């Protein structure tokens, strides 16, 4: 792992720094690089603009570990309202949630009940519910939630992280469910025994997992989503999809808001189904630093943007 990536991930866990930085105007300007605003209305407005350009969206409210189940209730009600707005606006938007936002640290059963409620609303509104993946300590619990949801709810998917050494086995274990799986590289600080520390190894693992997902998609036994901005990987994945007879529409590409807009537009023009992940909320500091850590060169982009202002 590079020194810059390691430093950014370490800082992302510093609560004191998060409180200090979040108050600063320069930081609020910088975070606009990756999110249209802190309110859900900002996210939905951005999704509407993207829809006009042929792009779908995935929205997520930032925030992770909670301290009370009452907070989880509020998050559930918030997302129920988001689904209602999606139906009212008739926009191609999915919702992605972190299980810890819905009480996983406090009660797995309450978290599952909250997720069931959201899955039902996703189906009723013609949308979709994604279970985001957090650090490696949550993988088993998150996959168990997905296994319990999937038999009754077809509009639910789960995220897998390519840099975790365990992921090939996790993928194989899920394929019997006919799953929707969003494959990402991974953005948490993990031990080398748990996750590949080198980018090259993560990239190789990502493509191997993508190949396996496409094999399953070719027989209709999985719906793959590839979450990456890596142009070389996207090219290899789309080429492999064509070679295996997986048509456009039988898989998707998900990319972050504020990064590679031209790339996203070019993929849509080529017939790919692309969704843009739009984050919002006030607890953006740890998420923001993880985004920078995914590609430390983004730090220099942000600094140049601030100087230009």
C-alpha atoms as a PDB file:
ATOM      1  CA  UNK A   1       0.000   0.000   0.000  1.00  0.00           C
ATOM      2  CA  UNK A   2       1.368   3.437  -0.925  1.00  0.00           C
ATOM      3  CA  UNK A   3       2.327   5.884   1.823  1.00  0.00           C
ATOM      4  CA  UNK A   4      -0.294   8.388   0.611  1.00  0.00           C
ATOM      5  CA  UNK A   5      -3.100   5.795   0.571  1.00  0.00           C
ATOM      6  CA  UNK A   6      -2.120   4.488   4.004  1.00  0.00           C
ATOM      7  CA  UNK A   7      -2.039   8.000   5.468  1.00  0.00           C
ATOM      8  CA  UNK A   8      -5.440   8.937   4.025  1.00  0.00           C
ATOM      9  CA  UNK A   9      -7.074   5.768   5.320  1.00  0.00           C
ATOM     10  CA  UNK A  10      -5.580   6.327   8.778  1.00  0.00           C
ATOM     11  CA  UNK A  11      -6.866   9.914   8.845  1.00  0.00           C
ATOM     12  CA  UNK A  12     -10.328   8.771   7.743  1.00  0.00           C
ATOM     13  CA  UNK A  13     -10.775   7.077  11.134  1.00  0.00           C
ATOM     14  CA  UNK A  14      -9.876  10.173  13.168  1.00  0.00           C
ATOM     15  CA  UNK A  15     -13.140  11.475  14.672  1.00  0.00           C
ATOM     16  CA  UNK A  16     -11.581  14.629  16.129  1.00  0.00           C
ATOM     17  CA  UNK A  17     -10.133  15.587  12.753  1.00  0.00           C
ATOM     18  CA  UNK A  18     -13.476  14.900  11.089  1.00  0.00           C
ATOM     19  CA  UNK A  19     -15.237  17.327  13.430  1.00  0.00           C
ATOM     20  CA  UNK A  20     -12.613  20.029  12.878  1.00  0.00           C
ATOM     21  CA  UNK A  21     -12.350  19.712   9.110  1.00  0.00           C
ATOM     22  CA  UNK A  22     -16.088  19.460   8.475  1.00  0.00           C
ATOM     23  CA  UNK A  23     -16.515  23.001   9.806  1.00  0.00           C
ATOM     24  CA  UNK A  24     -14.033  24.534   7.395  1.00  0.00           C
ATOM     25  CA  UNK A  25     -15.296  26.264   4.278  1.00  0.00           C
ATOM     26  CA  UNK A  26     -12.336  25.079   2.200  1.00  0.00           C
ATOM     27  CA  UNK A  27     -13.176  21.440   3.035  1.00  0.00           C
ATOM     28  CA  UNK A  28     -16.830  21.926   2.168  1.00  0.00           C
ATOM     29  CA  UNK A  29     -15.757  23.331  -1.197  1.00  0.00           C
ATOM     30  CA  UNK A  30     -13.404  20.414  -1.778  1.00  0.00           C
ATOM     31  CA  UNK A  31     -15.991  17.745  -1.058  1.00  0.00           C
ATOM     32  CA  UNK A  32     -18.239  19.193  -3.773  1.00  0.00           C
ATOM     33  CA  UNK A  33     -15.804  17.465  -6.111  1.00  0.00           C
ATOM     34  CA  UNK A  34     -17.523  14.188  -5.229  1.00  0.00           C
ATOM     35  CA  UNK A  35     -21.050  15.070  -4.080  1.00  0.00           C
ATOM     36  CA  UNK A  36     -23.637  17.622  -5.253  1.00  0.00           C
ATOM     37  CA  UNK A  37     -24.674  18.617  -1.730  1.00  0.00           C
ATOM     38  CA  UNK A  38     -25.438  17.404   1.783  1.00  0.00           C
ATOM     39  CA  UNK A  39     -29.227  17.111   1.367  1.00  0.00           C
ATOM     40  CA  UNK A  40     -31.165  14.351  -0.369  1.00  0.00           C
ATOM     41  CA  UNK A  41     -32.817  17.015  -2.529  1.00  0.00           C
ATOM     42  CA  UNK A  42     -29.375  17.815  -3.963  1.00  0.00           C
ATOM     43  CA  UNK A  43     -28.800  14.142  -4.778  1.00  0.00           C
ATOM     44  CA  UNK A  44     -32.194  13.727  -6.441  1.00  0.00           C
ATOM     45  CA  UNK A  45     -31.735  16.896  -8.497  1.00  0.00           C
ATOM     46  CA  UNK A  46     -28.356  15.622  -9.702  1.00  0.00           C
ATOM     47  CA  UNK A  47     -29.931  12.258 -10.540  1.00  0.00           C
ATOM     48  CA  UNK A  48     -32.535  14.043 -12.641  1.00  0.00           C
ATOM     49  CA  UNK A  49     -29.828  15.813 -14.630  1.00  0.00           C
ATOM     50  CA  UNK A  50     -27.974  12.549 -15.170  1.00  0.00           C
ATOM     51  CA  UNK A  51     -31.164  10.780 -16.258  1.00  0.00           C
ATOM     52  CA  UNK A  52     -31.605  13.341 -19.012  1.00  0.00           C
ATOM     53  CA  UNK A  53     -28.189  12.278 -20.297  1.00  0.00           C
ATOM     54  CA  UNK A  54     -29.083   8.588 -20.247  1.00  0.00           C
ATOM     55  CA  UNK A  55     -27.451   7.735 -16.918  1.00  0.00           C
ATOM     56  CA  UNK A  56     -29.074   5.974 -14.011  1.00  0.00           C
ATOM     57  CA  UNK A  57     -28.103   6.700 -10.408  1.00  0.00           C
ATOM     58  CA  UNK A  58     -27.553   5.070  -7.042  1.00  0.00           C
ATOM     59  CA  UNK A  59     -28.062   7.329  -4.035  1.00  0.00           C
ATOM     60  CA  UNK A  60     -26.707   6.777  -0.540  1.00  0.00           C
ATOM     61  CA  UNK A  61     -26.818   8.797   2.656  1.00  0.00           C
ATOM     62  CA  UNK A  62     -23.413   9.005   4.316  1.00  0.00           C
ATOM     63  CA  UNK A  63     -22.976   7.752   7.857  1.00  0.00           C
ATOM     64  CA  UNK A  64     -22.003   4.427   9.327  1.00  0.00           C
ATOM     65  CA  UNK A  65     -21.966   3.135  12.888  1.00  0.00           C
ATOM     66  CA  UNK A  66     -24.888   4.204  15.089  1.00  0.00           C
ATOM     67  CA  UNK A  67     -25.249   4.224  18.869  1.00  0.00           C
ATOM     68  CA  UNK A  68     -29.010   3.622  19.281  1.00  0.00           C
ATOM     69  CA  UNK A  69     -31.738   1.716  17.471  1.00  0.00           C
ATOM     70  CA  UNK A  70     -33.791   4.917  17.416  1.00  0.00           C
ATOM     71  CA  UNK A  71     -31.181   6.316  15.016  1.00  0.00           C
ATOM     72  CA  UNK A  72     -31.612   3.240  12.832  1.00  0.00           C
ATOM     73  CA  UNK A  73     -35.374   3.837  12.807  1.00  0.00           C
ATOM     74  CA  UNK A  74     -34.776   7.368  11.549  1.00  0.00           C
ATOM     75  CA  UNK A  75     -32.478   6.110   8.787  1.00  0.00           C
ATOM     76  CA  UNK A  76     -35.093   3.550   7.724  1.00  0.00           C
ATOM     77  CA  UNK A  77     -37.798   6.200   7.575  1.00  0.00           C
ATOM     78  CA  UNK A  78     -35.490   8.503   5.642  1.00  0.00           C
ATOM     79  CA  UNK A  79     -34.896   5.878   2.965  1.00  0.00           C
ATOM     80  CA  UNK A  80     -38.596   5.021   2.767  1.00  0.00           C
ATOM     81  CA  UNK A  81     -39.138   8.677   1.912  1.00  0.00           C
ATOM     82  CA  UNK A  82     -36.379   8.517  -0.680  1.00  0.00           C
ATOM     83  CA  UNK A  83     -38.104   5.597  -2.393  1.00  0.00           C
ATOM     84  CA  UNK A  84     -41.358   7.540  -2.467  1.00  0.00           C
ATOM     85  CA  UNK A  85     -39.552  10.473  -4.092  1.00  0.00           C
ATOM     86  CA  UNK A  86     -38.041   8.121  -6.671  1.00  0.00           C
ATOM     87  CA  UNK A  87     -41.529   6.923  -7.611  1.00  0.00           C
ATOM     88  CA  UNK A  88     -42.947  10.446  -7.677  1.00  0.00           C
ATOM     89  CA  UNK A  89     -40.166  11.754  -9.904  1.00  0.00           C
ATOM     90  CA  UNK A  90     -40.112   8.594 -12.077  1.00  0.00           C
ATOM     91  CA  UNK A  91     -36.319   8.554 -12.075  1.00  0.00           C
ATOM     92  CA  UNK A  92     -34.007   5.538 -12.681  1.00  0.00           C
ATOM     93  CA  UNK A  93     -32.553   5.581  -9.163  1.00  0.00           C
ATOM     94  CA  UNK A  94     -31.441   2.754  -6.895  1.00  0.00           C
ATOM     95  CA  UNK A  95     -30.664   3.072  -3.185  1.00  0.00           C
ATOM     96  CA  UNK A  96     -27.537   1.765  -1.449  1.00  0.00           C
ATOM     97  CA  UNK A  97     -27.374   1.393   2.337  1.00  0.00           C
ATOM     98  CA  UNK A  98     -24.751   0.386   4.877  1.00  0.00           C
ATOM     99  CA  UNK A  99     -26.158  -2.221   7.289  1.00  0.00           C
ATOM    100  CA  UNK A 100     -24.561  -0.398  10.215  1.00  0.00           C
ATOM    101  CA  UNK A 101     -26.813   2.563   9.365  1.00  0.00           C
ATOM    102  CA  UNK A 102     -29.766   0.289  10.071  1.00  0.00           C
ATOM    103  CA  UNK A 103     -28.574  -1.106  13.392  1.00  0.00           C
ATOM    104  CA  UNK A 104     -26.292  -4.040  12.546  1.00  0.00           C
ATOM    105  CA  UNK A 105     -23.891  -3.277  15.414  1.00  0.00           C
ATOM    106  CA  UNK A 106     -26.781  -3.236  17.873  1.00  0.00           C
ATOM    107  CA  UNK A 107     -29.125  -6.002  16.678  1.00  0.00           C
ATOM    108  CA  UNK A 108     -28.813  -8.169  13.582  1.00  0.00           C
ATOM    109  CA  UNK A 109     -32.531  -9.010  13.746  1.00  0.00           C
ATOM    110  CA  UNK A 110     -33.600  -5.367  13.906  1.00  0.00           C
ATOM    111  CA  UNK A 111     -31.258  -4.590  11.031  1.00  0.00           C
ATOM    112  CA  UNK A 112     -32.769  -7.433   8.998  1.00  0.00           C
ATOM    113  CA  UNK A 113     -36.285  -6.193   9.720  1.00  0.00           C
ATOM    114  CA  UNK A 114     -35.322  -2.688   8.611  1.00  0.00           C
ATOM    115  CA  UNK A 115     -33.802  -4.078   5.420  1.00  0.00           C
ATOM    116  CA  UNK A 116     -36.925  -6.139   4.710  1.00  0.00           C
ATOM    117  CA  UNK A 117     -39.029  -2.993   5.003  1.00  0.00           C
ATOM    118  CA  UNK A 118     -36.770  -1.177   2.558  1.00  0.00           C
ATOM    119  CA  UNK A 119     -36.690  -4.137   0.153  1.00  0.00           C
ATOM    120  CA  UNK A 120     -40.490  -4.170   0.074  1.00  0.00           C
ATOM    121  CA  UNK A 121     -40.581  -0.441  -0.676  1.00  0.00           C
ATOM    122  CA  UNK A 122     -37.912  -0.868  -3.379  1.00  0.00           C
ATOM    123  CA  UNK A 123     -40.093  -3.441  -5.125  1.00  0.00           C
ATOM    124  CA  UNK A 124     -43.258  -1.361  -4.711  1.00  0.00           C
ATOM    125  CA  UNK A 125     -41.596   1.692  -6.261  1.00  0.00           C
ATOM    126  CA  UNK A 126     -39.839  -0.117  -9.114  1.00  0.00           C
ATOM    127  CA  UNK A 127     -36.431   0.576  -7.653  1.00  0.00           C
ATOM    128  CA  UNK A 128     -33.679  -1.563  -6.101  1.00  0.00           C
ATOM    129  CA  UNK A 129     -31.889  -1.956  -2.756  1.00  0.00           C
ATOM    130  CA  UNK A 130     -28.130  -2.427  -2.555  1.00  0.00           C
ATOM    131  CA  UNK A 131     -26.360  -3.623   0.597  1.00  0.00           C
ATOM    132  CA  UNK A 132     -23.049  -1.838   0.692  1.00  0.00           C
ATOM    133  CA  UNK A 133     -20.025  -3.621   2.147  1.00  0.00           C
ATOM    134  CA  UNK A 134     -18.056  -2.104   4.997  1.00  0.00           C
ATOM    135  CA  UNK A 135     -14.721  -3.242   6.399  1.00  0.00           C
ATOM    136  CA  UNK A 136     -13.777  -6.922   6.606  1.00  0.00           C
ATOM    137  CA  UNK A 137     -15.191  -7.371  10.119  1.00  0.00           C
ATOM    138  CA  UNK A 138     -18.688  -6.951   8.652  1.00  0.00           C
ATOM    139  CA  UNK A 139     -18.467  -9.306   5.663  1.00  0.00           C
ATOM    140  CA  UNK A 140     -19.945 -12.425   7.271  1.00  0.00           C
ATOM    141  CA  UNK A 141     -22.811 -10.515   8.874  1.00  0.00           C
ATOM    142  CA  UNK A 142     -23.600  -8.568   5.709  1.00  0.00           C
ATOM    143  CA  UNK A 143     -23.612 -11.690   3.534  1.00  0.00           C
ATOM    144  CA  UNK A 144     -25.870 -13.437   6.042  1.00  0.00           C
ATOM    145  CA  UNK A 145     -28.331 -10.533   5.791  1.00  0.00           C
ATOM    146  CA  UNK A 146     -28.281 -10.851   2.017  1.00  0.00           C
ATOM    147  CA  UNK A 147     -28.827 -14.622   2.150  1.00  0.00           C
ATOM    148  CA  UNK A 148     -31.859 -14.123   4.355  1.00  0.00           C
ATOM    149  CA  UNK A 149     -33.299 -11.353   2.189  1.00  0.00           C
ATOM    150  CA  UNK A 150     -32.705 -12.784  -1.256  1.00  0.00           C
ATOM    151  CA  UNK A 151     -35.242 -15.672  -1.305  1.00  0.00           C
ATOM    152  CA  UNK A 152     -38.158 -13.270  -0.783  1.00  0.00           C
ATOM    153  CA  UNK A 153     -36.811 -10.145  -2.461  1.00  0.00           C
ATOM    154  CA  UNK A 154     -35.474 -10.179  -6.003  1.00  0.00           C
ATOM    155  CA  UNK A 155     -34.691  -6.460  -6.026  1.00  0.00           C
ATOM    156  CA  UNK A 156     -31.813  -6.717  -3.565  1.00  0.00           C
ATOM    157  CA  UNK A 157     -28.084  -6.894  -4.306  1.00  0.00           C
ATOM    158  CA  UNK A 158     -24.850  -6.955  -2.328  1.00  0.00           C
ATOM    159  CA  UNK A 159     -21.390  -5.494  -2.760  1.00  0.00           C
ATOM    160  CA  UNK A 160     -18.188  -7.589  -2.822  1.00  0.00           C
ATOM    161  CA  UNK A 161     -14.658  -6.187  -2.545  1.00  0.00           C
ATOM    162  CA  UNK A 162     -11.998  -7.558  -4.873  1.00  0.00           C
ATOM    163  CA  UNK A 163      -9.059  -6.759  -2.609  1.00  0.00           C
ATOM    164  CA  UNK A 164     -10.239  -9.133   0.125  1.00  0.00           C
ATOM    165  CA  UNK A 165      -8.547 -12.518  -0.175  1.00  0.00           C
ATOM    166  CA  UNK A 166     -11.749 -14.289   0.837  1.00  0.00           C
ATOM    167  CA  UNK A 167     -13.926 -12.861  -1.933  1.00  0.00           C
ATOM    168  CA  UNK A 168     -13.559 -15.669  -4.548  1.00  0.00           C
ATOM    169  CA  UNK A 169     -14.952 -18.149  -2.015  1.00  0.00           C
ATOM    170  CA  UNK A 170     -17.718 -15.715  -1.012  1.00  0.00           C
ATOM    171  CA  UNK A 171     -18.715 -15.289  -4.648  1.00  0.00           C
ATOM    172  CA  UNK A 172     -18.928 -19.018  -5.268  1.00  0.00           C
ATOM    173  CA  UNK A 173     -21.053 -19.461  -2.154  1.00  0.00           C
ATOM    174  CA  UNK A 174     -23.516 -16.800  -3.333  1.00  0.00           C
ATOM    175  CA  UNK A 175     -24.007 -17.928  -6.923  1.00  0.00           C
ATOM    176  CA  UNK A 176     -26.686 -20.489  -6.047  1.00  0.00           C
ATOM    177  CA  UNK A 177     -28.915 -17.552  -5.041  1.00  0.00           C
ATOM    178  CA  UNK A 178     -28.895 -16.034  -8.532  1.00  0.00           C
ATOM    179  CA  UNK A 179     -27.494 -12.853  -6.981  1.00  0.00           C
ATOM    180  CA  UNK A 180     -27.065  -9.270  -8.080  1.00  0.00           C
ATOM    181  CA  UNK A 181     -23.493  -8.412  -7.089  1.00  0.00           C
ATOM    182  CA  UNK A 182     -21.690  -5.091  -7.304  1.00  0.00           C
ATOM    183  CA  UNK A 183     -17.960  -5.709  -7.522  1.00  0.00           C
ATOM    184  CA  UNK A 184     -15.641  -2.947  -6.296  1.00  0.00           C
ATOM    185  CA  UNK A 185     -11.941  -2.876  -5.515  1.00  0.00           C
ATOM    186  CA  UNK A 186     -12.246  -1.951  -1.816  1.00  0.00           C
ATOM    187  CA  UNK A 187     -11.369   1.182   0.117  1.00  0.00           C
ATOM    188  CA  UNK A 188     -10.803   0.298   3.785  1.00  0.00           C
ATOM    189  CA  UNK A 189      -7.513  -0.114   5.624  1.00  0.00           C
ATOM    190  CA  UNK A 190      -6.997  -3.867   6.011  1.00  0.00           C
ATOM    191  CA  UNK A 191      -4.159  -6.114   7.130  1.00  0.00           C
ATOM    192  CA  UNK A 192      -2.065  -7.714   4.343  1.00  0.00           C
ATOM    193  CA  UNK A 193      -3.261 -11.118   5.498  1.00  0.00           C
ATOM    194  CA  UNK A 194      -6.849 -10.009   4.848  1.00  0.00           C
ATOM    195  CA  UNK A 195      -6.529  -7.867   1.703  1.00  0.00           C
ATOM    196  CA  UNK A 196      -4.043  -7.468  -1.115  1.00  0.00           C
ATOM    197  CA  UNK A 197      -1.817  -4.481  -0.320  1.00  0.00           C
ATOM    198  CA  UNK A 198      -0.663  -4.007  -3.927  1.00  0.00           C
ATOM    199  CA  UNK A 199      -2.792  -2.414  -6.630  1.00  0.00           C
ATOM    200  CA  UNK A 200      -1.570  -4.917  -9.213  1.00  0.00           C
ATOM    201  CA  UNK A 201      -2.811  -7.856  -7.153  1.00  0.00           C
ATOM    202  CA  UNK A 202      -6.176  -6.171  -6.553  1.00  0.00           C
ATOM    203  CA  UNK A 203      -6.574  -5.466 -10.264  1.00  0.00           C
ATOM    204  CA  UNK A 204      -5.809  -9.089 -11.126  1.00  0.00           C
ATOM    205  CA  UNK A 205      -8.276 -10.326  -8.523  1.00  0.00           C
ATOM    206  CA  UNK A 206     -10.929  -7.918  -9.794  1.00  0.00           C
ATOM    207  CA  UNK A 207     -10.724  -9.216 -13.358  1.00  0.00           C
ATOM    208  CA  UNK A 208     -10.788 -12.858 -12.260  1.00  0.00           C
ATOM    209  CA  UNK A 209     -13.925 -12.181 -10.227  1.00  0.00           C
ATOM    210  CA  UNK A 210     -15.449 -10.231 -13.110  1.00  0.00           C
ATOM    211  CA  UNK A 211     -14.825 -13.177 -15.439  1.00  0.00           C
ATOM    212  CA  UNK A 212     -16.587 -15.504 -13.016  1.00  0.00           C
ATOM    213  CA  UNK A 213     -19.535 -13.141 -12.705  1.00  0.00           C
ATOM    214  CA  UNK A 214     -19.825 -12.884 -16.473  1.00  0.00           C
ATOM    215  CA  UNK A 215     -19.772 -16.666 -16.786  1.00  0.00           C
ATOM    216  CA  UNK A 216     -22.709 -16.771 -14.390  1.00  0.00           C
ATOM    217  CA  UNK A 217     -24.449 -13.922 -16.232  1.00  0.00           C
ATOM    218  CA  UNK A 218     -24.140 -15.841 -19.508  1.00  0.00           C
ATOM    219  CA  UNK A 219     -26.389 -18.539 -18.039  1.00  0.00           C
ATOM    220  CA  UNK A 220     -28.723 -16.067 -16.320  1.00  0.00           C
ATOM    221  CA  UNK A 221     -27.554 -17.058 -12.841  1.00  0.00           C
ATOM    222  CA  UNK A 222     -26.143 -13.682 -11.757  1.00  0.00           C
ATOM    223  CA  UNK A 223     -26.528  -9.997 -12.456  1.00  0.00           C
ATOM    224  CA  UNK A 224     -23.077  -8.374 -12.280  1.00  0.00           C
ATOM    225  CA  UNK A 225     -22.343  -4.743 -11.620  1.00  0.00           C
ATOM    226  CA  UNK A 226     -18.809  -3.460 -12.049  1.00  0.00           C
ATOM    227  CA  UNK A 227     -17.982  -0.523  -9.816  1.00  0.00           C
ATOM    228  CA  UNK A 228     -14.742   1.002 -11.062  1.00  0.00           C
ATOM    229  CA  UNK A 229     -13.250   3.976 -12.891  1.00  0.00           C
ATOM    230  CA  UNK A 230     -10.315   1.912 -14.141  1.00  0.00           C
ATOM    231  CA  UNK A 231     -10.577   2.360 -17.895  1.00  0.00           C
ATOM    232  CA  UNK A 232      -8.342  -0.586 -18.701  1.00  0.00           C
ATOM    233  CA  UNK A 233     -10.386  -2.894 -16.481  1.00  0.00           C
ATOM    234  CA  UNK A 234     -13.672  -1.656 -17.916  1.00  0.00           C
ATOM    235  CA  UNK A 235     -12.397  -2.318 -21.432  1.00  0.00           C
ATOM    236  CA  UNK A 236     -11.331  -5.863 -20.493  1.00  0.00           C
ATOM    237  CA  UNK A 237     -14.662  -6.537 -18.785  1.00  0.00           C
ATOM    238  CA  UNK A 238     -16.808  -5.272 -21.662  1.00  0.00           C
ATOM    239  CA  UNK A 239     -14.701  -7.226 -24.166  1.00  0.00           C
ATOM    240  CA  UNK A 240     -15.076 -10.374 -22.074  1.00  0.00           C
ATOM    241  CA  UNK A 241     -18.827  -9.808 -21.802  1.00  0.00           C
ATOM    242  CA  UNK A 242     -19.117  -9.669 -25.580  1.00  0.00           C
ATOM    243  CA  UNK A 243     -16.972 -12.775 -25.996  1.00  0.00           C
ATOM    244  CA  UNK A 244     -19.144 -14.695 -23.553  1.00  0.00           C
ATOM    245  CA  UNK A 245     -22.390 -13.535 -25.147  1.00  0.00           C
ATOM    246  CA  UNK A 246     -23.488 -11.343 -22.235  1.00  0.00           C
ATOM    247  CA  UNK A 247     -25.455  -8.482 -23.802  1.00  0.00           C
ATOM    248  CA  UNK A 248     -25.544  -4.847 -22.744  1.00  0.00           C
ATOM    249  CA  UNK A 249     -28.265  -4.632 -20.120  1.00  0.00           C
ATOM    250  CA  UNK A 250     -27.338  -7.977 -18.551  1.00  0.00           C
ATOM    251  CA  UNK A 251     -24.703  -6.154 -16.526  1.00  0.00           C
ATOM    252  CA  UNK A 252     -24.056  -2.579 -15.407  1.00  0.00           C
ATOM    253  CA  UNK A 253     -21.140  -0.257 -14.733  1.00  0.00           C
ATOM    254  CA  UNK A 254     -21.298   1.950 -11.645  1.00  0.00           C
ATOM    255  CA  UNK A 255     -19.085   5.013 -11.243  1.00  0.00           C
ATOM    256  CA  UNK A 256     -18.823   7.857  -8.754  1.00  0.00           C
ATOM    257  CA  UNK A 257     -20.397  11.272  -9.122  1.00  0.00           C
ATOM    258  CA  UNK A 258     -17.840  13.913 -10.072  1.00  0.00           C
ATOM    259  CA  UNK A 259     -15.274  11.547 -11.560  1.00  0.00           C
ATOM    260  CA  UNK A 260     -14.938  10.712 -15.235  1.00  0.00           C
ATOM    261  CA  UNK A 261     -18.126  12.331 -16.531  1.00  0.00           C
ATOM    262  CA  UNK A 262     -16.833  12.107 -20.089  1.00  0.00           C
ATOM    263  CA  UNK A 263     -15.968   8.457 -19.569  1.00  0.00           C
ATOM    264  CA  UNK A 264     -19.459   7.744 -18.275  1.00  0.00           C
ATOM    265  CA  UNK A 265     -21.031   9.510 -21.236  1.00  0.00           C
ATOM    266  CA  UNK A 266     -18.852   7.589 -23.696  1.00  0.00           C
ATOM    267  CA  UNK A 267     -19.876   4.278 -22.149  1.00  0.00           C
ATOM    268  CA  UNK A 268     -23.559   5.198 -22.460  1.00  0.00           C
ATOM    269  CA  UNK A 269     -23.013   6.217 -26.076  1.00  0.00           C
ATOM    270  CA  UNK A 270     -21.458   2.787 -26.687  1.00  0.00           C
ATOM    271  CA  UNK A 271     -24.594   1.104 -25.379  1.00  0.00           C
ATOM    272  CA  UNK A 272     -23.504   0.277 -21.831  1.00  0.00           C
ATOM    273  CA  UNK A 273     -25.829   0.663 -18.865  1.00  0.00           C
ATOM    274  CA  UNK A 274     -24.157   3.076 -16.459  1.00  0.00           C
ATOM    275  CA  UNK A 275     -25.240   4.315 -13.047  1.00  0.00           C
ATOM    276  CA  UNK A 276     -23.614   7.119 -11.100  1.00  0.00           C
ATOM    277  CA  UNK A 277     -23.222   6.720  -7.340  1.00  0.00           C
ATOM    278  CA  UNK A 278     -24.372   9.944  -5.662  1.00  0.00           C
ATOM    279  CA  UNK A 279     -23.598  10.376  -1.976  1.00  0.00           C
ATOM    280  CA  UNK A 280     -25.062  13.021   0.319  1.00  0.00           C
ATOM    281  CA  UNK A 281     -25.175  13.806   4.017  1.00  0.00           C
ATOM    282  CA  UNK A 282     -23.183  15.622   6.653  1.00  0.00           C
ATOM    283  CA  UNK A 283     -20.994  12.713   7.736  1.00  0.00           C
ATOM    284  CA  UNK A 284     -18.836  12.922   4.645  1.00  0.00           C
ATOM    285  CA  UNK A 285     -15.315  13.143   6.083  1.00  0.00           C
ATOM    286  CA  UNK A 286     -14.365   9.407   6.362  1.00  0.00           C
ATOM    287  CA  UNK A 287     -16.065   8.628   3.060  1.00  0.00           C
ATOM    288  CA  UNK A 288     -14.301  11.536   1.358  1.00  0.00           C
ATOM    289  CA  UNK A 289     -10.841  10.486   2.501  1.00  0.00           C
ATOM    290  CA  UNK A 290     -11.503   6.914   1.371  1.00  0.00           C
ATOM    291  CA  UNK A 291     -12.409   8.277  -2.065  1.00  0.00           C
ATOM    292  CA  UNK A 292      -9.117  10.186  -2.175  1.00  0.00           C
ATOM    293  CA  UNK A 293      -7.245   7.090  -0.988  1.00  0.00           C
ATOM    294  CA  UNK A 294      -8.631   5.045  -3.879  1.00  0.00           C
ATOM    295  CA  UNK A 295      -6.622   7.281  -6.188  1.00  0.00           C
ATOM    296  CA  UNK A 296      -4.261   9.618  -4.279  1.00  0.00           C
ATOM    297  CA  UNK A 297      -3.733  11.667  -7.455  1.00  0.00           C
ATOM    298  CA  UNK A 298      -7.201  13.060  -6.700  1.00  0.00           C
ATOM    299  CA  UNK A 299      -5.599  14.978  -3.823  1.00  0.00           C
ATOM    300  CA  UNK A 300      -3.685  17.129  -6.300  1.00  0.00           C
ATOM    301  CA  UNK A 301      -6.837  17.666  -8.364  1.00  0.00           C
ATOM    302  CA  UNK A 302      -8.642  18.955  -5.275  1.00  0.00           C
ATOM    303  CA  UNK A 303      -5.759  21.211  -4.288  1.00  0.00           C
ATOM    304  CA  UNK A 304      -5.602  22.716  -7.783  1.00  0.00           C
ATOM    305  CA  UNK A 305      -9.356  23.287  -7.682  1.00  0.00           C
ATOM    306  CA  UNK A 306      -9.108  25.143  -4.373  1.00  0.00           C
ATOM    307  CA  UNK A 307      -6.230  27.301  -5.594  1.00  0.00           C
ATOM    308  CA  UNK A 308      -8.171  28.119  -8.760  1.00  0.00           C
ATOM    309  CA  UNK A 309     -11.028  29.462  -6.637  1.00  0.00           C
END
